[in-house]
Amino acid sequence: MESAQTILSLSLNHPVMLEDMELVQHKKQMIPGTVQYVINRYRKVPNATFEDTGMMVYNFKPGDNKNSNLELVFCITGNRYCKQKDAECNFCKHSQSHNCQEVIETVDVAAFRFNADHLSQFVKGIRTTSFSENVLNFSHTSSFSKILPLCSKTRNVLDALLNHSYSESLENIFINAQTQMLLLYSMECMAGEGEDSFTCKFLTNEADREKVALARKILLEHISEPLTIKELSRKAAINECYLKKGFKEMYGTTIFDFFQSQRMEHAKYLLYEKGLSVTDVSGLLGYSSISHFSTAFKKHTGLKPCELLFH
């Protein structure tokens, strides 16, 4: 993604070449029909200063949804990367990580690409201006690049993406969910909407927002165990009605649609990256039959599960 290098150059306040920066972590995922991303973390060059910067890149190809896409690219500073991430490390156990030689300051560049066909599923859940709606629907007929303001919600999502401790399948589930939030908040910030204005008055209470966030976390941790609203509200200790309304307002989608979306995104990972059979994936995601899973997958992706195996 060439725009990742562009955003890094834009954020520089001091002359430094890309080849001068040591790459300490590289993550990349290019599964067809899903969010594709590249995350590069560089060791910060002494005396070089950067500004946190975001950019939206809209690539419009008339009549070609396959090659039309929307990119979100960010350069973030102020993070610290531990090469070991060892829970048994004495520095970490005693909260002395600032003294550890394995912890370094980083400049982090992250790029996320949403294909036009894949993006359409998110449109209905995002409250935006007509311009943003045209972008998400790919009815805006010219390509553009636009600098994005980094509001606190966007920064929090990026921070979680860069500093989580998940691995393997749990990492995939977590990143899929976070990229959806990154899209939502980026569109809201671009539209200039208030960062913390809520229609549901109870969401002005931080404790209630934390309960809704906990419910989302529980859903992701039980991706193979569908929960009823009643069970979920009990686990998160929040009223069912408050949970449904609060979830829709905070995350731009219903609980059911969010869960189904994340389940199908994880199915793509299991099929394409892990090479599991349709039968195995169906069982792992808690479906009672392969046909039910195949129907849900086709509805979400436009493909039969077996087609992704040979994509």
C-alpha atoms as a PDB file:
ATOM      1  CA  MET A   1       0.000   0.000   0.000  1.00  0.00           C
ATOM      2  CA  GLU A   2       1.905   3.000  -1.317  1.00  0.00           C
ATOM      3  CA  SER A   3      -0.253   5.448   0.656  1.00  0.00           C
ATOM      4  CA  ALA A   4       1.351   4.145   3.871  1.00  0.00           C
ATOM      5  CA  GLN A   5       4.672   5.624   2.786  1.00  0.00           C
ATOM      6  CA  THR A   6       2.897   8.846   1.771  1.00  0.00           C
ATOM      7  CA  ILE A   7       1.358   9.315   5.218  1.00  0.00           C
ATOM      8  CA  LEU A   8       4.691   8.658   6.911  1.00  0.00           C
ATOM      9  CA  SER A   9       6.325  11.339   4.773  1.00  0.00           C
ATOM     10  CA  LEU A  10       3.523  13.803   5.569  1.00  0.00           C
ATOM     11  CA  SER A  11       3.940  13.282   9.301  1.00  0.00           C
ATOM     12  CA  LEU A  12       7.665  14.099   9.314  1.00  0.00           C
ATOM     13  CA  ASN A  13       8.881  17.340  10.865  1.00  0.00           C
ATOM     14  CA  HIS A  14      12.535  16.418  10.465  1.00  0.00           C
ATOM     15  CA  PRO A  15      14.400  15.128   7.398  1.00  0.00           C
ATOM     16  CA  VAL A  16      14.787  11.367   7.689  1.00  0.00           C
ATOM     17  CA  MET A  17      14.694   8.643   5.043  1.00  0.00           C
ATOM     18  CA  LEU A  18      12.533   5.509   5.317  1.00  0.00           C
ATOM     19  CA  GLU A  19      15.633   3.349   4.989  1.00  0.00           C
ATOM     20  CA  ASP A  20      17.004   5.042   8.131  1.00  0.00           C
ATOM     21  CA  MET A  21      14.158   3.574  10.196  1.00  0.00           C
ATOM     22  CA  GLU A  22      14.460   0.053  11.590  1.00  0.00           C
ATOM     23  CA  LEU A  23      11.351  -2.070  11.051  1.00  0.00           C
ATOM     24  CA  VAL A  24      10.653  -3.873  14.349  1.00  0.00           C
ATOM     25  CA  GLN A  25       7.252  -5.404  13.606  1.00  0.00           C
ATOM     26  CA  HIS A  26       5.356  -6.196  10.416  1.00  0.00           C
ATOM     27  CA  LYS A  27       1.816  -7.564  10.180  1.00  0.00           C
ATOM     28  CA  LYS A  28      -0.060  -8.150   6.969  1.00  0.00           C
ATOM     29  CA  GLN A  29      -3.325  -9.810   5.983  1.00  0.00           C
ATOM     30  CA  MET A  30      -4.657 -10.007   2.423  1.00  0.00           C
ATOM     31  CA  ILE A  31      -7.655 -12.355   2.563  1.00  0.00           C
ATOM     32  CA  PRO A  32      -9.927 -11.821  -0.494  1.00  0.00           C
ATOM     33  CA  GLY A  33     -13.262 -10.180   0.272  1.00  0.00           C
ATOM     34  CA  THR A  34     -12.286  -8.854   3.680  1.00  0.00           C
ATOM     35  CA  VAL A  35     -10.454  -5.890   5.185  1.00  0.00           C
ATOM     36  CA  GLN A  36      -6.845  -6.049   4.039  1.00  0.00           C
ATOM     37  CA  TYR A  37      -4.242  -4.420   6.224  1.00  0.00           C
ATOM     38  CA  VAL A  38      -0.549  -3.751   6.703  1.00  0.00           C
ATOM     39  CA  ILE A  39       0.849  -2.607  10.064  1.00  0.00           C
ATOM     40  CA  ASN A  40       4.506  -1.556  10.246  1.00  0.00           C
ATOM     41  CA  ARG A  41       6.167  -0.449  13.467  1.00  0.00           C
ATOM     42  CA  TYR A  42       9.494   1.380  13.205  1.00  0.00           C
ATOM     43  CA  ARG A  43      12.063   2.199  15.853  1.00  0.00           C
ATOM     44  CA  LYS A  44      11.843   5.958  16.390  1.00  0.00           C
ATOM     45  CA  VAL A  45      14.896   7.798  15.078  1.00  0.00           C
ATOM     46  CA  PRO A  46      16.484   9.992  17.803  1.00  0.00           C
ATOM     47  CA  ASN A  47      15.781  13.711  17.354  1.00  0.00           C
ATOM     48  CA  ALA A  48      13.255  13.098  14.552  1.00  0.00           C
ATOM     49  CA  THR A  49       9.811  14.497  15.286  1.00  0.00           C
ATOM     50  CA  PHE A  50       6.527  13.321  13.817  1.00  0.00           C
ATOM     51  CA  GLU A  51       2.924  14.486  13.922  1.00  0.00           C
ATOM     52  CA  ASP A  52       0.116  11.976  14.338  1.00  0.00           C
ATOM     53  CA  THR A  53      -1.592  11.952  10.951  1.00  0.00           C
ATOM     54  CA  GLY A  54      -4.483  10.199   9.256  1.00  0.00           C
ATOM     55  CA  MET A  55      -5.503   9.974   5.614  1.00  0.00           C
ATOM     56  CA  MET A  56      -8.455   8.629   3.669  1.00  0.00           C
ATOM     57  CA  VAL A  57      -7.712   7.457   0.115  1.00  0.00           C
ATOM     58  CA  TYR A  58     -10.748   6.853  -2.102  1.00  0.00           C
ATOM     59  CA  ASN A  59      -9.934   4.825  -5.205  1.00  0.00           C
ATOM     60  CA  PHE A  60     -12.863   4.863  -7.637  1.00  0.00           C
ATOM     61  CA  LYS A  61     -12.859   2.690 -10.753  1.00  0.00           C
ATOM     62  CA  PRO A  62     -16.039   3.291 -12.848  1.00  0.00           C
ATOM     63  CA  GLY A  63     -18.037   0.079 -13.177  1.00  0.00           C
ATOM     64  CA  ASP A  64     -15.340  -1.929 -11.382  1.00  0.00           C
ATOM     65  CA  ASN A  65     -16.263  -2.661  -7.774  1.00  0.00           C
ATOM     66  CA  LYS A  66     -13.598  -5.345  -7.577  1.00  0.00           C
ATOM     67  CA  ASN A  67     -10.818  -2.786  -7.885  1.00  0.00           C
ATOM     68  CA  SER A  68     -12.547   0.169  -6.224  1.00  0.00           C
ATOM     69  CA  ASN A  69     -11.584   0.577  -2.584  1.00  0.00           C
ATOM     70  CA  LEU A  70     -11.319   2.897   0.391  1.00  0.00           C
ATOM     71  CA  GLU A  71      -8.080   3.100   2.355  1.00  0.00           C
ATOM     72  CA  LEU A  72      -7.545   4.456   5.864  1.00  0.00           C
ATOM     73  CA  VAL A  73      -3.886   5.150   6.630  1.00  0.00           C
ATOM     74  CA  PHE A  74      -2.434   6.394   9.908  1.00  0.00           C
ATOM     75  CA  CYS A  75       0.913   7.384  11.355  1.00  0.00           C
ATOM     76  CA  ILE A  76       0.921   7.283  15.158  1.00  0.00           C
ATOM     77  CA  THR A  77       3.709   8.141  17.591  1.00  0.00           C
ATOM     78  CA  GLY A  78       4.152   7.837  21.330  1.00  0.00           C
ATOM     79  CA  ASN A  79       3.795   4.064  21.534  1.00  0.00           C
ATOM     80  CA  ARG A  80       6.332   1.682  23.017  1.00  0.00           C
ATOM     81  CA  TYR A  81       6.992  -1.756  21.566  1.00  0.00           C
ATOM     82  CA  CYS A  82       8.337  -4.729  23.528  1.00  0.00           C
ATOM     83  CA  LYS A  83      10.166  -7.288  21.409  1.00  0.00           C
ATOM     84  CA  GLN A  84       9.641  -9.986  24.031  1.00  0.00           C
ATOM     85  CA  LYS A  85       6.107  -9.396  25.342  1.00  0.00           C
ATOM     86  CA  ASP A  86       6.874 -12.004  27.961  1.00  0.00           C
ATOM     87  CA  ALA A  87       4.434 -12.102  30.855  1.00  0.00           C
ATOM     88  CA  GLU A  88       7.185 -13.673  32.967  1.00  0.00           C
ATOM     89  CA  CYS A  89       9.558 -10.750  32.399  1.00  0.00           C
ATOM     90  CA  ASN A  90      10.560  -9.279  35.766  1.00  0.00           C
ATOM     91  CA  PHE A  91      10.370  -5.733  34.423  1.00  0.00           C
ATOM     92  CA  CYS A  92       6.747  -6.286  33.324  1.00  0.00           C
ATOM     93  CA  LYS A  93       5.763  -8.117  36.521  1.00  0.00           C
ATOM     94  CA  HIS A  94       7.019  -5.229  38.634  1.00  0.00           C
ATOM     95  CA  SER A  95       5.729  -2.449  36.338  1.00  0.00           C
ATOM     96  CA  GLN A  96       9.275  -1.398  35.502  1.00  0.00           C
ATOM     97  CA  SER A  97       8.998  -1.789  31.716  1.00  0.00           C
ATOM     98  CA  HIS A  98      10.410   1.728  31.218  1.00  0.00           C
ATOM     99  CA  ASN A  99      13.777   0.342  32.394  1.00  0.00           C
ATOM    100  CA  CYS A 100      13.718  -2.665  30.062  1.00  0.00           C
ATOM    101  CA  GLN A 101      16.161  -2.761  27.159  1.00  0.00           C
ATOM    102  CA  GLU A 102      13.621  -4.670  25.064  1.00  0.00           C
ATOM    103  CA  VAL A 103      11.099  -1.803  25.121  1.00  0.00           C
ATOM    104  CA  ILE A 104      11.599   0.836  22.433  1.00  0.00           C
ATOM    105  CA  GLU A 105       9.766   3.955  21.250  1.00  0.00           C
ATOM    106  CA  THR A 106       8.101   3.512  17.878  1.00  0.00           C
ATOM    107  CA  VAL A 107       6.580   5.283  14.923  1.00  0.00           C
ATOM    108  CA  ASP A 108       3.645   3.157  13.759  1.00  0.00           C
ATOM    109  CA  VAL A 109       2.152   3.172  10.268  1.00  0.00           C
ATOM    110  CA  ALA A 110      -1.094   1.269   9.660  1.00  0.00           C
ATOM    111  CA  ALA A 111      -3.050   0.965   6.408  1.00  0.00           C
ATOM    112  CA  PHE A 112      -6.497  -0.639   6.031  1.00  0.00           C
ATOM    113  CA  ARG A 113      -8.137  -1.289   2.653  1.00  0.00           C
ATOM    114  CA  PHE A 114     -11.890  -1.849   2.310  1.00  0.00           C
ATOM    115  CA  ASN A 115     -13.043  -3.247  -1.038  1.00  0.00           C
ATOM    116  CA  ALA A 116     -16.235  -1.688  -2.459  1.00  0.00           C
ATOM    117  CA  ASP A 117     -18.233  -4.935  -2.333  1.00  0.00           C
ATOM    118  CA  HIS A 118     -17.100  -5.692   1.197  1.00  0.00           C
ATOM    119  CA  LEU A 119     -17.740  -2.142   2.402  1.00  0.00           C
ATOM    120  CA  SER A 120     -21.393  -2.114   1.367  1.00  0.00           C
ATOM    121  CA  GLN A 121     -22.372  -4.261   4.362  1.00  0.00           C
ATOM    122  CA  PHE A 122     -21.325  -1.501   6.790  1.00  0.00           C
ATOM    123  CA  VAL A 123     -23.165   1.390   5.153  1.00  0.00           C
ATOM    124  CA  LYS A 124     -26.533   0.929   6.809  1.00  0.00           C
ATOM    125  CA  GLY A 125     -25.043   1.170  10.296  1.00  0.00           C
ATOM    126  CA  ILE A 126     -23.113   4.424   9.862  1.00  0.00           C
ATOM    127  CA  ARG A 127     -24.766   7.783  10.487  1.00  0.00           C
ATOM    128  CA  THR A 128     -23.033  10.176   8.119  1.00  0.00           C
ATOM    129  CA  THR A 129     -23.416  13.195   5.886  1.00  0.00           C
ATOM    130  CA  SER A 130     -24.568  12.653   2.302  1.00  0.00           C
ATOM    131  CA  PHE A 131     -20.954  13.017   1.108  1.00  0.00           C
ATOM    132  CA  SER A 132     -19.825  10.207   3.410  1.00  0.00           C
ATOM    133  CA  GLU A 133     -22.726   8.031   2.308  1.00  0.00           C
ATOM    134  CA  ASN A 134     -21.743   8.562  -1.332  1.00  0.00           C
ATOM    135  CA  VAL A 135     -18.186   7.514  -0.487  1.00  0.00           C
ATOM    136  CA  LEU A 136     -19.277   4.386   1.371  1.00  0.00           C
ATOM    137  CA  ASN A 137     -21.660   3.440  -1.442  1.00  0.00           C
ATOM    138  CA  PHE A 138     -19.010   4.239  -4.073  1.00  0.00           C
ATOM    139  CA  SER A 139     -21.440   6.573  -5.811  1.00  0.00           C
ATOM    140  CA  HIS A 140     -18.927   9.433  -5.504  1.00  0.00           C
ATOM    141  CA  THR A 141     -17.469   9.412  -9.013  1.00  0.00           C
ATOM    142  CA  SER A 142     -13.923  10.714  -8.583  1.00  0.00           C
ATOM    143  CA  SER A 143     -10.936   9.438  -6.602  1.00  0.00           C
ATOM    144  CA  PHE A 144      -9.455  11.620  -3.857  1.00  0.00           C
ATOM    145  CA  SER A 145      -7.129  11.731  -0.858  1.00  0.00           C
ATOM    146  CA  LYS A 146      -8.144  13.564   2.306  1.00  0.00           C
ATOM    147  CA  ILE A 147      -6.318  14.241   5.562  1.00  0.00           C
ATOM    148  CA  LEU A 148      -8.351  12.896   8.507  1.00  0.00           C
ATOM    149  CA  PRO A 149      -8.635  14.550  11.907  1.00  0.00           C
ATOM    150  CA  LEU A 150      -7.694  12.063  14.632  1.00  0.00           C
ATOM    151  CA  CYS A 151     -10.404  12.303  17.277  1.00  0.00           C
ATOM    152  CA  SER A 152     -10.020  10.593  20.645  1.00  0.00           C
ATOM    153  CA  LYS A 153     -12.203   7.630  19.624  1.00  0.00           C
ATOM    154  CA  THR A 154     -10.076   6.935  16.552  1.00  0.00           C
ATOM    155  CA  ARG A 155      -6.903   7.190  18.635  1.00  0.00           C
ATOM    156  CA  ASN A 156      -8.273   4.733  21.200  1.00  0.00           C
ATOM    157  CA  VAL A 157      -9.075   2.156  18.490  1.00  0.00           C
ATOM    158  CA  LEU A 158      -5.613   2.535  16.948  1.00  0.00           C
ATOM    159  CA  ASP A 159      -3.955   2.252  20.340  1.00  0.00           C
ATOM    160  CA  ALA A 160      -5.841  -0.987  21.033  1.00  0.00           C
ATOM    161  CA  LEU A 161      -4.880  -2.360  17.605  1.00  0.00           C
ATOM    162  CA  LEU A 162      -1.197  -1.656  18.166  1.00  0.00           C
ATOM    163  CA  ASN A 163      -0.916  -2.776  21.772  1.00  0.00           C
ATOM    164  CA  HIS A 164      -3.176  -5.815  22.143  1.00  0.00           C
ATOM    165  CA  SER A 165      -1.786  -9.128  23.410  1.00  0.00           C
ATOM    166  CA  TYR A 166      -3.892 -11.532  21.297  1.00  0.00           C
ATOM    167  CA  SER A 167      -2.446 -14.063  18.863  1.00  0.00           C
ATOM    168  CA  GLU A 168      -3.645 -16.469  16.174  1.00  0.00           C
ATOM    169  CA  SER A 169      -7.465 -16.755  15.922  1.00  0.00           C
ATOM    170  CA  LEU A 170      -8.187 -14.378  18.800  1.00  0.00           C
ATOM    171  CA  GLU A 171      -6.000 -11.743  17.156  1.00  0.00           C
ATOM    172  CA  ASN A 172      -7.901 -12.109  13.904  1.00  0.00           C
ATOM    173  CA  ILE A 173     -11.273 -11.758  15.647  1.00  0.00           C
ATOM    174  CA  PHE A 174     -10.064  -8.698  17.563  1.00  0.00           C
ATOM    175  CA  ILE A 175      -8.555  -6.905  14.542  1.00  0.00           C
ATOM    176  CA  ASN A 176     -11.660  -7.516  12.401  1.00  0.00           C
ATOM    177  CA  ALA A 177     -13.850  -5.913  15.051  1.00  0.00           C
ATOM    178  CA  GLN A 178     -11.483  -2.976  15.598  1.00  0.00           C
ATOM    179  CA  THR A 179     -11.189  -2.157  11.894  1.00  0.00           C
ATOM    180  CA  GLN A 180     -14.964  -1.857  11.665  1.00  0.00           C
ATOM    181  CA  MET A 181     -14.883   0.638  14.540  1.00  0.00           C
ATOM    182  CA  LEU A 182     -12.004   2.478  12.884  1.00  0.00           C
ATOM    183  CA  LEU A 183     -14.123   2.941   9.774  1.00  0.00           C
ATOM    184  CA  LEU A 184     -17.121   4.120  11.793  1.00  0.00           C
ATOM    185  CA  TYR A 185     -15.177   6.672  13.836  1.00  0.00           C
ATOM    186  CA  SER A 186     -13.154   7.913  10.862  1.00  0.00           C
ATOM    187  CA  MET A 187     -16.340   8.685   8.942  1.00  0.00           C
ATOM    188  CA  GLU A 188     -17.843  10.411  11.968  1.00  0.00           C
ATOM    189  CA  CYS A 189     -14.709  12.487  12.518  1.00  0.00           C
ATOM    190  CA  MET A 190     -14.591  13.438   8.843  1.00  0.00           C
ATOM    191  CA  ALA A 191     -18.209  14.550   9.070  1.00  0.00           C
ATOM    192  CA  GLY A 192     -17.324  16.702  12.084  1.00  0.00           C
ATOM    193  CA  GLU A 193     -19.737  15.008  14.469  1.00  0.00           C
ATOM    194  CA  GLY A 194     -19.346  15.524  18.213  1.00  0.00           C
ATOM    195  CA  GLU A 195     -17.069  12.957  19.814  1.00  0.00           C
ATOM    196  CA  ASP A 196     -19.195  12.133  22.826  1.00  0.00           C
ATOM    197  CA  SER A 197     -22.736  13.226  21.976  1.00  0.00           C
ATOM    198  CA  PHE A 198     -25.256  10.458  22.684  1.00  0.00           C
ATOM    199  CA  THR A 199     -28.954  10.203  21.901  1.00  0.00           C
ATOM    200  CA  CYS A 200     -29.322   7.608  24.667  1.00  0.00           C
ATOM    201  CA  LYS A 201     -28.923   9.689  27.807  1.00  0.00           C
ATOM    202  CA  PHE A 202     -27.735   6.765  29.910  1.00  0.00           C
ATOM    203  CA  LEU A 203     -24.606   6.576  27.732  1.00  0.00           C
ATOM    204  CA  THR A 204     -23.382   9.838  29.224  1.00  0.00           C
ATOM    205  CA  ASN A 205     -22.601   7.667  32.246  1.00  0.00           C
ATOM    206  CA  GLU A 206     -19.134   6.140  31.781  1.00  0.00           C
ATOM    207  CA  ALA A 207     -20.071   3.050  33.801  1.00  0.00           C
ATOM    208  CA  ASP A 208     -22.933   2.251  31.409  1.00  0.00           C
ATOM    209  CA  ARG A 209     -20.699   2.757  28.356  1.00  0.00           C
ATOM    210  CA  GLU A 210     -18.212   0.332  29.904  1.00  0.00           C
ATOM    211  CA  LYS A 211     -20.974  -2.262  30.318  1.00  0.00           C
ATOM    212  CA  VAL A 212     -21.924  -1.980  26.644  1.00  0.00           C
ATOM    213  CA  ALA A 213     -18.239  -2.257  25.705  1.00  0.00           C
ATOM    214  CA  LEU A 214     -17.966  -5.329  27.938  1.00  0.00           C
ATOM    215  CA  ALA A 215     -20.909  -6.900  26.103  1.00  0.00           C
ATOM    216  CA  ARG A 216     -19.084  -6.396  22.802  1.00  0.00           C
ATOM    217  CA  LYS A 217     -15.939  -7.984  24.265  1.00  0.00           C
ATOM    218  CA  ILE A 218     -17.969 -10.963  25.500  1.00  0.00           C
ATOM    219  CA  LEU A 219     -19.480 -11.454  22.035  1.00  0.00           C
ATOM    220  CA  LEU A 220     -16.017 -11.571  20.474  1.00  0.00           C
ATOM    221  CA  GLU A 221     -14.804 -14.054  23.085  1.00  0.00           C
ATOM    222  CA  HIS A 222     -17.813 -16.291  22.377  1.00  0.00           C
ATOM    223  CA  ILE A 223     -17.680 -16.137  18.579  1.00  0.00           C
ATOM    224  CA  SER A 224     -18.470 -19.873  18.404  1.00  0.00           C
ATOM    225  CA  GLU A 225     -21.151 -19.774  21.102  1.00  0.00           C
ATOM    226  CA  PRO A 226     -24.166 -17.666  20.050  1.00  0.00           C
ATOM    227  CA  LEU A 227     -25.617 -15.932  23.099  1.00  0.00           C
ATOM    228  CA  THR A 228     -29.156 -14.665  23.580  1.00  0.00           C
ATOM    229  CA  ILE A 229     -29.671 -10.995  24.462  1.00  0.00           C
ATOM    230  CA  LYS A 230     -30.825 -12.138  27.890  1.00  0.00           C
ATOM    231  CA  GLU A 231     -27.634 -14.141  28.493  1.00  0.00           C
ATOM    232  CA  LEU A 232     -25.455 -11.313  27.202  1.00  0.00           C
ATOM    233  CA  SER A 233     -27.156  -8.657  29.312  1.00  0.00           C
ATOM    234  CA  ARG A 234     -26.737 -10.852  32.392  1.00  0.00           C
ATOM    235  CA  LYS A 235     -23.025 -11.341  31.731  1.00  0.00           C
ATOM    236  CA  ALA A 236     -22.517  -7.599  31.194  1.00  0.00           C
ATOM    237  CA  ALA A 237     -24.797  -6.643  34.119  1.00  0.00           C
ATOM    238  CA  ILE A 238     -26.957  -4.257  32.086  1.00  0.00           C
ATOM    239  CA  ASN A 239     -30.665  -4.019  31.304  1.00  0.00           C
ATOM    240  CA  GLU A 240     -31.607  -5.755  28.017  1.00  0.00           C
ATOM    241  CA  CYS A 241     -33.281  -2.679  26.548  1.00  0.00           C
ATOM    242  CA  TYR A 242     -30.357  -0.419  27.505  1.00  0.00           C
ATOM    243  CA  LEU A 243     -27.942  -2.933  26.031  1.00  0.00           C
ATOM    244  CA  LYS A 244     -29.706  -3.077  22.653  1.00  0.00           C
ATOM    245  CA  LYS A 245     -30.111   0.683  22.352  1.00  0.00           C
ATOM    246  CA  GLY A 246     -26.640   1.486  23.701  1.00  0.00           C
ATOM    247  CA  PHE A 247     -24.930  -1.060  21.459  1.00  0.00           C
ATOM    248  CA  LYS A 248     -26.614   0.320  18.327  1.00  0.00           C
ATOM    249  CA  GLU A 249     -25.622   3.887  19.208  1.00  0.00           C
ATOM    250  CA  MET A 250     -22.031   3.160  20.222  1.00  0.00           C
ATOM    251  CA  TYR A 251     -21.204   0.714  17.437  1.00  0.00           C
ATOM    252  CA  GLY A 252     -23.561   1.674  14.625  1.00  0.00           C
ATOM    253  CA  THR A 253     -25.095  -1.789  14.281  1.00  0.00           C
ATOM    254  CA  THR A 254     -27.385  -4.205  16.082  1.00  0.00           C
ATOM    255  CA  ILE A 255     -25.984  -6.897  18.354  1.00  0.00           C
ATOM    256  CA  PHE A 256     -27.127  -9.635  15.976  1.00  0.00           C
ATOM    257  CA  ASP A 257     -25.701  -7.974  12.836  1.00  0.00           C
ATOM    258  CA  PHE A 258     -22.396  -7.299  14.604  1.00  0.00           C
ATOM    259  CA  PHE A 259     -22.099 -10.883  15.811  1.00  0.00           C
ATOM    260  CA  GLN A 260     -22.990 -12.355  12.423  1.00  0.00           C
ATOM    261  CA  SER A 261     -20.570 -10.043  10.645  1.00  0.00           C
ATOM    262  CA  GLN A 262     -17.687 -10.940  12.943  1.00  0.00           C
ATOM    263  CA  ARG A 263     -18.509 -14.644  12.745  1.00  0.00           C
ATOM    264  CA  MET A 264     -18.408 -14.582   8.934  1.00  0.00           C
ATOM    265  CA  GLU A 265     -15.207 -12.519   8.849  1.00  0.00           C
ATOM    266  CA  HIS A 266     -13.578 -15.087  11.100  1.00  0.00           C
ATOM    267  CA  ALA A 267     -14.888 -17.869   8.871  1.00  0.00           C
ATOM    268  CA  LYS A 268     -12.978 -16.303   5.945  1.00  0.00           C
ATOM    269  CA  TYR A 269      -9.794 -16.397   8.021  1.00  0.00           C
ATOM    270  CA  LEU A 270     -10.283 -20.037   9.010  1.00  0.00           C
ATOM    271  CA  LEU A 271     -10.999 -21.091   5.431  1.00  0.00           C
ATOM    272  CA  TYR A 272      -8.398 -19.012   3.601  1.00  0.00           C
ATOM    273  CA  GLU A 273      -5.527 -18.586   6.069  1.00  0.00           C
ATOM    274  CA  LYS A 274      -5.857 -21.784   8.077  1.00  0.00           C
ATOM    275  CA  GLY A 275      -7.080 -23.983   5.235  1.00  0.00           C
ATOM    276  CA  LEU A 276      -9.755 -25.662   7.353  1.00  0.00           C
ATOM    277  CA  SER A 277     -12.569 -27.578   5.698  1.00  0.00           C
ATOM    278  CA  VAL A 278     -16.087 -26.177   5.439  1.00  0.00           C
ATOM    279  CA  THR A 279     -17.223 -28.894   7.839  1.00  0.00           C
ATOM    280  CA  ASP A 280     -14.612 -27.930  10.439  1.00  0.00           C
ATOM    281  CA  VAL A 281     -15.349 -24.192  10.179  1.00  0.00           C
ATOM    282  CA  SER A 282     -19.077 -24.780  10.457  1.00  0.00           C
ATOM    283  CA  GLY A 283     -18.548 -26.755  13.675  1.00  0.00           C
ATOM    284  CA  LEU A 284     -16.044 -24.290  15.147  1.00  0.00           C
ATOM    285  CA  LEU A 285     -18.482 -21.399  14.676  1.00  0.00           C
ATOM    286  CA  GLY A 286     -21.323 -23.222  16.385  1.00  0.00           C
ATOM    287  CA  TYR A 287     -23.570 -24.016  13.415  1.00  0.00           C
ATOM    288  CA  SER A 288     -25.905 -26.981  13.731  1.00  0.00           C
ATOM    289  CA  SER A 289     -25.478 -27.907  10.074  1.00  0.00           C
ATOM    290  CA  ILE A 290     -23.176 -27.177   7.153  1.00  0.00           C
ATOM    291  CA  SER A 291     -26.116 -25.949   5.070  1.00  0.00           C
ATOM    292  CA  HIS A 292     -27.025 -23.293   7.671  1.00  0.00           C
ATOM    293  CA  PHE A 293     -23.418 -22.112   7.725  1.00  0.00           C
ATOM    294  CA  SER A 294     -23.141 -22.083   3.923  1.00  0.00           C
ATOM    295  CA  THR A 295     -26.352 -20.053   3.605  1.00  0.00           C
ATOM    296  CA  ALA A 296     -25.157 -17.470   6.149  1.00  0.00           C
ATOM    297  CA  PHE A 297     -21.720 -17.270   4.518  1.00  0.00           C
ATOM    298  CA  LYS A 298     -23.181 -16.783   1.026  1.00  0.00           C
ATOM    299  CA  LYS A 299     -25.518 -14.064   2.320  1.00  0.00           C
ATOM    300  CA  HIS A 300     -22.626 -12.195   3.954  1.00  0.00           C
ATOM    301  CA  THR A 301     -19.896 -12.614   1.332  1.00  0.00           C
ATOM    302  CA  GLY A 302     -21.660 -13.433  -1.936  1.00  0.00           C
ATOM    303  CA  LEU A 303     -19.558 -16.608  -2.153  1.00  0.00           C
ATOM    304  CA  LYS A 304     -20.067 -20.204  -1.170  1.00  0.00           C
ATOM    305  CA  PRO A 305     -17.532 -21.281   1.498  1.00  0.00           C
ATOM    306  CA  CYS A 306     -15.897 -23.744  -0.911  1.00  0.00           C
ATOM    307  CA  GLU A 307     -15.320 -20.923  -3.422  1.00  0.00           C
ATOM    308  CA  LEU A 308     -13.101 -19.042  -0.975  1.00  0.00           C
ATOM    309  CA  LEU A 309     -10.921 -22.122  -0.599  1.00  0.00           C
ATOM    310  CA  PHE A 310      -9.997 -21.864  -4.265  1.00  0.00           C
ATOM    311  CA  HIS A 311     -10.173 -18.059  -4.598  1.00  0.00           C
END
